Amino acid sequence: MTARYACMAAVVAVALSAATPLRAEPGGCLKYGAAGAVGGHIANHHAVLGAGTGCLLGMYKRHEFRKEARAKAKLYDQEHPGAKGSYEEKATAYDVEHSAPPPGAPSGQGNPGAPHQAPQGGGVPL
């Protein structure tokens, strides 16, 4: 009987997560709660405790993500007064403007305003 309920809960969780729009936010109560339930079940059959803990962790992660996005949107508004859009769009634009080139990339690539540097050594490899 409990296997049937667990299966139904998994189907509902998958259906709800598939119905929500895809965004760059961390998972919330449902996703973290489902993972916590599985982990709690594996750890000595404490699925309810794991689900509750996972749900709390998911809500905290999403809160921290949104708080950081609002702070980035505020910085974007200071740099671009009168900009339109939601705080999520402004935070994304702030991240794009202030992103660093990936590690290992040549200094001229990824940053179009950077001056070109000649390769070190200057000679032909032997």
C-alpha atoms as a PDB file:
ATOM      1  CA  MET A   1       0.000   0.000   0.000  1.00  0.00           C
ATOM      2  CA  THR A   2       2.768   2.475   0.849  1.00  0.00           C
ATOM      3  CA  ALA A   3       4.529   1.631  -2.415  1.00  0.00           C
ATOM      4  CA  ARG A   4       1.393   2.694  -4.274  1.00  0.00           C
ATOM      5  CA  TYR A   5       1.339   6.048  -2.433  1.00  0.00           C
ATOM      6  CA  ALA A   6       5.027   6.595  -3.092  1.00  0.00           C
ATOM      7  CA  CYS A   7       4.520   5.881  -6.784  1.00  0.00           C
ATOM      8  CA  MET A   8       1.553   8.273  -6.955  1.00  0.00           C
ATOM      9  CA  ALA A   9       3.548  10.979  -5.154  1.00  0.00           C
ATOM     10  CA  ALA A  10       6.430  10.543  -7.602  1.00  0.00           C
ATOM     11  CA  VAL A  11       4.064  10.858 -10.579  1.00  0.00           C
ATOM     12  CA  VAL A  12       2.514  14.022  -9.116  1.00  0.00           C
ATOM     13  CA  ALA A  13       5.952  15.525  -8.413  1.00  0.00           C
ATOM     14  CA  VAL A  14       7.119  14.833 -11.973  1.00  0.00           C
ATOM     15  CA  ALA A  15       3.900  16.248 -13.431  1.00  0.00           C
ATOM     16  CA  LEU A  16       4.175  19.420 -11.368  1.00  0.00           C
ATOM     17  CA  SER A  17       7.833  19.947 -12.182  1.00  0.00           C
ATOM     18  CA  ALA A  18       7.151  19.405 -15.901  1.00  0.00           C
ATOM     19  CA  ALA A  19       4.251  21.877 -15.836  1.00  0.00           C
ATOM     20  CA  THR A  20       6.280  24.730 -14.363  1.00  0.00           C
ATOM     21  CA  PRO A  21       8.216  27.032 -16.692  1.00  0.00           C
ATOM     22  CA  LEU A  22      11.944  26.440 -16.897  1.00  0.00           C
ATOM     23  CA  ARG A  23      13.912  29.155 -15.129  1.00  0.00           C
ATOM     24  CA  ALA A  24      17.362  29.446 -13.704  1.00  0.00           C
ATOM     25  CA  GLU A  25      16.089  29.266 -10.143  1.00  0.00           C
ATOM     26  CA  PRO A  26      17.094  26.482  -7.821  1.00  0.00           C
ATOM     27  CA  GLY A  27      14.501  23.810  -7.138  1.00  0.00           C
ATOM     28  CA  GLY A  28      12.071  24.679  -4.248  1.00  0.00           C
ATOM     29  CA  CYS A  29      10.113  22.697  -1.763  1.00  0.00           C
ATOM     30  CA  LEU A  30       8.878  20.028  -4.191  1.00  0.00           C
ATOM     31  CA  LYS A  31      12.182  19.170  -5.834  1.00  0.00           C
ATOM     32  CA  TYR A  32      14.301  19.297  -2.691  1.00  0.00           C
ATOM     33  CA  GLY A  33      11.531  17.576  -0.716  1.00  0.00           C
ATOM     34  CA  ALA A  34      11.356  14.714  -3.207  1.00  0.00           C
ATOM     35  CA  ALA A  35      15.123  14.269  -3.083  1.00  0.00           C
ATOM     36  CA  GLY A  36      15.038  14.436   0.713  1.00  0.00           C
ATOM     37  CA  ALA A  37      12.279  11.822   0.848  1.00  0.00           C
ATOM     38  CA  VAL A  38      14.325   9.428  -1.255  1.00  0.00           C
ATOM     39  CA  GLY A  39      17.425  10.082   0.844  1.00  0.00           C
ATOM     40  CA  GLY A  40      15.471   9.695   4.075  1.00  0.00           C
ATOM     41  CA  HIS A  41      13.923   6.454   2.887  1.00  0.00           C
ATOM     42  CA  ILE A  42      17.351   5.054   2.093  1.00  0.00           C
ATOM     43  CA  ALA A  43      18.667   6.240   5.460  1.00  0.00           C
ATOM     44  CA  ASN A  44      16.716   3.940   7.763  1.00  0.00           C
ATOM     45  CA  HIS A  45      13.169   4.649   6.468  1.00  0.00           C
ATOM     46  CA  HIS A  46      12.877   8.311   7.506  1.00  0.00           C
ATOM     47  CA  ALA A  47      11.190   9.538   4.306  1.00  0.00           C
ATOM     48  CA  VAL A  48       8.899  12.054   6.020  1.00  0.00           C
ATOM     49  CA  LEU A  49      11.754  13.603   7.986  1.00  0.00           C
ATOM     50  CA  GLY A  50      13.882  13.741   4.818  1.00  0.00           C
ATOM     51  CA  ALA A  51      11.053  15.317   2.825  1.00  0.00           C
ATOM     52  CA  GLY A  52      10.487  17.990   5.464  1.00  0.00           C
ATOM     53  CA  THR A  53      14.170  18.801   5.718  1.00  0.00           C
ATOM     54  CA  GLY A  54      14.526  18.860   1.924  1.00  0.00           C
ATOM     55  CA  CYS A  55      11.528  21.158   1.623  1.00  0.00           C
ATOM     56  CA  LEU A  56      12.992  23.616   4.152  1.00  0.00           C
ATOM     57  CA  LEU A  57      16.363  23.549   2.397  1.00  0.00           C
ATOM     58  CA  GLY A  58      14.700  24.142  -0.990  1.00  0.00           C
ATOM     59  CA  MET A  59      12.761  27.129   0.296  1.00  0.00           C
ATOM     60  CA  TYR A  60      15.926  28.587   1.826  1.00  0.00           C
ATOM     61  CA  LYS A  61      17.947  28.107  -1.394  1.00  0.00           C
ATOM     62  CA  ARG A  62      15.251  29.766  -3.498  1.00  0.00           C
ATOM     63  CA  HIS A  63      14.961  32.653  -1.012  1.00  0.00           C
ATOM     64  CA  GLU A  64      18.724  33.241  -1.125  1.00  0.00           C
ATOM     65  CA  PHE A  65      18.711  33.087  -4.942  1.00  0.00           C
ATOM     66  CA  ARG A  66      15.906  35.651  -5.217  1.00  0.00           C
ATOM     67  CA  LYS A  67      17.549  37.914  -2.623  1.00  0.00           C
ATOM     68  CA  GLU A  68      20.786  37.905  -4.627  1.00  0.00           C
ATOM     69  CA  ALA A  69      18.847  38.576  -7.854  1.00  0.00           C
ATOM     70  CA  ARG A  70      17.106  41.586  -6.275  1.00  0.00           C
ATOM     71  CA  ALA A  71      20.491  42.946  -5.141  1.00  0.00           C
ATOM     72  CA  LYS A  72      21.916  42.555  -8.660  1.00  0.00           C
ATOM     73  CA  ALA A  73      18.819  44.242 -10.117  1.00  0.00           C
ATOM     74  CA  LYS A  74      19.355  47.172  -7.762  1.00  0.00           C
ATOM     75  CA  LEU A  75      22.975  47.489  -8.933  1.00  0.00           C
ATOM     76  CA  TYR A  76      21.799  47.292 -12.556  1.00  0.00           C
ATOM     77  CA  ASP A  77      19.285  50.082 -11.890  1.00  0.00           C
ATOM     78  CA  GLN A  78      22.089  52.259 -10.486  1.00  0.00           C
ATOM     79  CA  GLU A  79      24.157  51.733 -13.646  1.00  0.00           C
ATOM     80  CA  HIS A  80      21.195  52.052 -16.047  1.00  0.00           C
ATOM     81  CA  PRO A  81      18.627  54.492 -14.648  1.00  0.00           C
ATOM     82  CA  GLY A  82      15.191  54.097 -16.175  1.00  0.00           C
ATOM     83  CA  ALA A  83      15.762  50.508 -17.346  1.00  0.00           C
ATOM     84  CA  LYS A  84      12.588  48.466 -17.779  1.00  0.00           C
ATOM     85  CA  GLY A  85      12.028  44.821 -16.927  1.00  0.00           C
ATOM     86  CA  SER A  86      11.614  42.497 -13.986  1.00  0.00           C
ATOM     87  CA  TYR A  87      14.267  42.029 -11.345  1.00  0.00           C
ATOM     88  CA  GLU A  88      15.059  38.615 -12.863  1.00  0.00           C
ATOM     89  CA  GLU A  89      15.771  40.163 -16.284  1.00  0.00           C
ATOM     90  CA  LYS A  90      17.880  42.931 -14.740  1.00  0.00           C
ATOM     91  CA  ALA A  91      19.877  40.437 -12.659  1.00  0.00           C
ATOM     92  CA  THR A  92      20.586  38.383 -15.782  1.00  0.00           C
ATOM     93  CA  ALA A  93      21.659  41.504 -17.664  1.00  0.00           C
ATOM     94  CA  TYR A  94      23.919  42.487 -14.753  1.00  0.00           C
ATOM     95  CA  ASP A  95      25.525  39.027 -14.794  1.00  0.00           C
ATOM     96  CA  VAL A  96      26.126  39.243 -18.556  1.00  0.00           C
ATOM     97  CA  GLU A  97      27.724  42.673 -18.306  1.00  0.00           C
ATOM     98  CA  HIS A  98      29.971  41.744 -15.400  1.00  0.00           C
ATOM     99  CA  SER A  99      30.955  38.226 -16.410  1.00  0.00           C
ATOM    100  CA  ALA A 100      34.624  37.296 -16.527  1.00  0.00           C
ATOM    101  CA  PRO A 101      36.168  35.340 -19.405  1.00  0.00           C
ATOM    102  CA  PRO A 102      36.338  31.594 -18.791  1.00  0.00           C
ATOM    103  CA  PRO A 103      39.549  30.331 -17.211  1.00  0.00           C
ATOM    104  CA  GLY A 104      42.153  29.289 -19.751  1.00  0.00           C
ATOM    105  CA  ALA A 105      40.759  31.520 -22.512  1.00  0.00           C
ATOM    106  CA  PRO A 106      43.228  33.848 -24.259  1.00  0.00           C
ATOM    107  CA  SER A 107      43.078  37.383 -22.895  1.00  0.00           C
ATOM    108  CA  GLY A 108      41.659  38.885 -26.104  1.00  0.00           C
ATOM    109  CA  GLN A 109      38.860  36.347 -26.373  1.00  0.00           C
ATOM    110  CA  GLY A 110      35.701  36.845 -24.329  1.00  0.00           C
ATOM    111  CA  ASN A 111      36.514  40.499 -23.641  1.00  0.00           C
ATOM    112  CA  PRO A 112      36.284  42.514 -26.880  1.00  0.00           C
ATOM    113  CA  GLY A 113      37.655  45.688 -25.281  1.00  0.00           C
ATOM    114  CA  ALA A 114      40.884  44.066 -24.094  1.00  0.00           C
ATOM    115  CA  PRO A 115      44.076  44.910 -26.016  1.00  0.00           C
ATOM    116  CA  HIS A 116      45.668  42.106 -28.014  1.00  0.00           C
ATOM    117  CA  GLN A 117      48.816  40.629 -26.489  1.00  0.00           C
ATOM    118  CA  ALA A 118      51.572  38.947 -28.489  1.00  0.00           C
ATOM    119  CA  PRO A 119      52.353  35.338 -27.530  1.00  0.00           C
ATOM    120  CA  GLN A 120      55.225  34.837 -25.098  1.00  0.00           C
ATOM    121  CA  GLY A 121      58.513  33.437 -26.413  1.00  0.00           C
ATOM    122  CA  GLY A 122      58.209  34.860 -29.905  1.00  0.00           C
ATOM    123  CA  GLY A 123      60.184  32.039 -31.494  1.00  0.00           C
ATOM    124  CA  VAL A 124      59.318  28.966 -33.513  1.00  0.00           C
ATOM    125  CA  PRO A 125      58.886  25.834 -31.364  1.00  0.00           C
ATOM    126  CA  LEU A 126      61.481  23.137 -32.018  1.00  0.00           C
END
